[in-house]
Each structure stands twice: as structure tokens, then as C-alpha cells.
Amino acid sequence: MIPPDKIIPGSPLDWLTRAKGNLALAKQAKAEGAFREDQCFLAQQAAEKAMLGRL
């Protein structure tokens, strides 16, 4: 993992790092039996941030 001080805010790497974090939270929420809409929201946020990282 890259230290936070090495990531430029708004950089592609920053967006991809945030996307991975959101996806991990979505998977954790699923394992813990969270509401489906919460899981979907986190997964959708991960997808958007991953796309921003690729633009």
C-alpha cells in the first residue's frame, strides 16, 4: 500500500485507492448482513471512483 502522503489528491491512484476501499466495505457489509441498498451504494461508489481513476 502506498503511504497517504505519497498520493496526490485527485490523482488516478487516489481514485483507484478509494475505489478499492469502497469495494472492501461493500464486501464486508455483505458478510455482516447489512441492508442490500447499503451494499449497492458502496459498490456503486467503488465503480464510479474506479472510472474516475481511469479517465
N, C-alpha and C. Protein backbone atom coordinates (compact mmCIF):
# COMPACT_ATOMS: atom_id res chain seq x y z
N MET A 1 0.85 -1.18 0.00
CA MET A 1 0.00 0.00 0.00
C MET A 1 0.89 1.24 0.00
N ILE A 2 0.47 2.23 -0.73
CA ILE A 2 1.23 3.47 -0.83
C ILE A 2 0.85 4.39 0.33
N PRO A 3 1.85 4.97 1.00
CA PRO A 3 1.54 5.87 2.12
C PRO A 3 0.70 7.06 1.64
N PRO A 4 -0.25 7.52 2.47
CA PRO A 4 -1.13 8.62 2.07
C PRO A 4 -0.40 9.89 1.64
N ASP A 5 0.78 10.16 2.22
CA ASP A 5 1.50 11.38 1.85
C ASP A 5 2.11 11.29 0.45
N LYS A 6 2.12 10.11 -0.16
CA LYS A 6 2.67 9.93 -1.50
C LYS A 6 1.59 10.00 -2.58
N ILE A 7 0.32 10.09 -2.17
CA ILE A 7 -0.78 10.13 -3.12
C ILE A 7 -1.21 11.58 -3.33
N ILE A 8 -1.25 12.00 -4.58
CA ILE A 8 -1.68 13.35 -4.92
C ILE A 8 -3.21 13.36 -4.93
N PRO A 9 -3.87 14.25 -4.16
CA PRO A 9 -5.33 14.28 -4.15
C PRO A 9 -5.89 14.46 -5.56
N GLY A 10 -6.83 13.64 -5.91
CA GLY A 10 -7.43 13.73 -7.23
C GLY A 10 -6.67 12.99 -8.31
N SER A 11 -5.54 12.39 -7.95
CA SER A 11 -4.77 11.65 -8.94
C SER A 11 -5.48 10.34 -9.25
N PRO A 12 -5.19 9.73 -10.40
CA PRO A 12 -5.79 8.42 -10.71
C PRO A 12 -5.54 7.39 -9.62
N LEU A 13 -4.34 7.39 -9.06
CA LEU A 13 -4.02 6.44 -8.00
C LEU A 13 -4.89 6.68 -6.76
N ASP A 14 -5.15 7.93 -6.46
CA ASP A 14 -6.02 8.27 -5.32
C ASP A 14 -7.42 7.72 -5.55
N TRP A 15 -7.97 7.92 -6.74
CA TRP A 15 -9.32 7.43 -7.04
C TRP A 15 -9.38 5.91 -6.99
N LEU A 16 -8.37 5.25 -7.52
CA LEU A 16 -8.36 3.79 -7.50
C LEU A 16 -8.21 3.25 -6.08
N THR A 17 -7.43 3.93 -5.27
CA THR A 17 -7.28 3.53 -3.87
C THR A 17 -8.61 3.67 -3.13
N ARG A 18 -9.30 4.77 -3.38
CA ARG A 18 -10.61 4.97 -2.75
C ARG A 18 -11.62 3.94 -3.24
N ALA A 19 -11.55 3.60 -4.52
CA ALA A 19 -12.46 2.59 -5.09
C ALA A 19 -12.24 1.24 -4.42
N LYS A 20 -10.99 0.86 -4.23
CA LYS A 20 -10.70 -0.41 -3.56
C LYS A 20 -11.23 -0.41 -2.13
N GLY A 21 -11.13 0.73 -1.46
CA GLY A 21 -11.65 0.83 -0.10
C GLY A 21 -13.16 0.68 -0.05
N ASN A 22 -13.86 1.34 -1.00
CA ASN A 22 -15.31 1.21 -1.06
C ASN A 22 -15.74 -0.22 -1.38
N LEU A 23 -15.02 -0.87 -2.27
CA LEU A 23 -15.36 -2.25 -2.62
C LEU A 23 -15.14 -3.17 -1.42
N ALA A 24 -14.08 -2.94 -0.68
CA ALA A 24 -13.82 -3.75 0.52
C ALA A 24 -14.94 -3.56 1.54
N LEU A 25 -15.41 -2.32 1.69
CA LEU A 25 -16.51 -2.05 2.61
C LEU A 25 -17.80 -2.73 2.15
N ALA A 26 -18.05 -2.72 0.84
CA ALA A 26 -19.24 -3.38 0.30
C ALA A 26 -19.20 -4.88 0.58
N LYS A 27 -18.04 -5.49 0.39
CA LYS A 27 -17.90 -6.92 0.65
C LYS A 27 -18.07 -7.22 2.13
N GLN A 28 -17.53 -6.36 2.97
CA GLN A 28 -17.65 -6.54 4.42
C GLN A 28 -19.11 -6.39 4.85
N ALA A 29 -19.79 -5.42 4.27
CA ALA A 29 -21.20 -5.21 4.60
C ALA A 29 -22.03 -6.43 4.22
N LYS A 30 -21.70 -7.03 3.08
CA LYS A 30 -22.43 -8.23 2.65
C LYS A 30 -22.21 -9.36 3.64
N ALA A 31 -20.98 -9.53 4.07
CA ALA A 31 -20.64 -10.61 5.01
C ALA A 31 -21.33 -10.41 6.36
N GLU A 32 -21.54 -9.15 6.73
CA GLU A 32 -22.14 -8.85 8.03
C GLU A 32 -23.65 -8.74 7.96
N GLY A 33 -24.23 -8.97 6.78
CA GLY A 33 -25.68 -8.94 6.65
C GLY A 33 -26.31 -7.56 6.63
N ALA A 34 -25.58 -6.57 6.12
CA ALA A 34 -26.11 -5.21 6.05
C ALA A 34 -27.26 -5.15 5.04
N PHE A 35 -27.99 -4.05 5.07
CA PHE A 35 -29.06 -3.86 4.11
C PHE A 35 -28.51 -3.88 2.69
N ARG A 36 -29.26 -4.47 1.78
CA ARG A 36 -28.81 -4.59 0.39
C ARG A 36 -28.57 -3.22 -0.24
N GLU A 37 -29.40 -2.23 0.08
CA GLU A 37 -29.21 -0.91 -0.53
C GLU A 37 -27.89 -0.28 -0.08
N ASP A 38 -27.44 -0.57 1.14
CA ASP A 38 -26.15 -0.07 1.59
C ASP A 38 -25.01 -0.73 0.83
N GLN A 39 -25.14 -2.01 0.60
CA GLN A 39 -24.13 -2.74 -0.17
C GLN A 39 -24.08 -2.20 -1.60
N CYS A 40 -25.25 -1.98 -2.19
CA CYS A 40 -25.31 -1.47 -3.56
C CYS A 40 -24.70 -0.07 -3.65
N PHE A 41 -24.99 0.77 -2.66
CA PHE A 41 -24.44 2.12 -2.67
C PHE A 41 -22.91 2.08 -2.63
N LEU A 42 -22.36 1.27 -1.75
CA LEU A 42 -20.90 1.18 -1.64
C LEU A 42 -20.29 0.62 -2.92
N ALA A 43 -20.93 -0.37 -3.52
CA ALA A 43 -20.42 -0.95 -4.77
C ALA A 43 -20.51 0.07 -5.90
N GLN A 44 -21.59 0.83 -5.95
CA GLN A 44 -21.75 1.86 -6.98
C GLN A 44 -20.69 2.95 -6.81
N GLN A 45 -20.42 3.35 -5.58
CA GLN A 45 -19.38 4.34 -5.33
C GLN A 45 -18.01 3.82 -5.76
N ALA A 46 -17.76 2.56 -5.50
CA ALA A 46 -16.49 1.95 -5.92
C ALA A 46 -16.36 1.99 -7.43
N ALA A 47 -17.44 1.68 -8.14
CA ALA A 47 -17.41 1.69 -9.61
C ALA A 47 -17.16 3.10 -10.14
N GLU A 48 -17.84 4.09 -9.58
CA GLU A 48 -17.64 5.47 -10.03
C GLU A 48 -16.20 5.93 -9.80
N LYS A 49 -15.67 5.63 -8.64
CA LYS A 49 -14.30 6.07 -8.33
C LYS A 49 -13.27 5.35 -9.18
N ALA A 50 -13.53 4.09 -9.49
CA ALA A 50 -12.62 3.36 -10.38
C ALA A 50 -12.64 3.97 -11.78
N MET A 51 -13.83 4.38 -12.23
CA MET A 51 -13.93 5.02 -13.55
C MET A 51 -13.19 6.36 -13.55
N LEU A 52 -13.33 7.13 -12.48
CA LEU A 52 -12.62 8.41 -12.39
C LEU A 52 -11.11 8.19 -12.41
N GLY A 53 -10.67 7.10 -11.82
CA GLY A 53 -9.25 6.79 -11.82
C GLY A 53 -8.71 6.43 -13.18
N ARG A 54 -9.60 5.99 -14.06
CA ARG A 54 -9.19 5.59 -15.41
C ARG A 54 -9.32 6.71 -16.44
N LEU A 55 -10.02 7.80 -16.08
CA LEU A 55 -10.20 8.91 -17.03
C LEU A 55 -8.96 9.76 -17.17
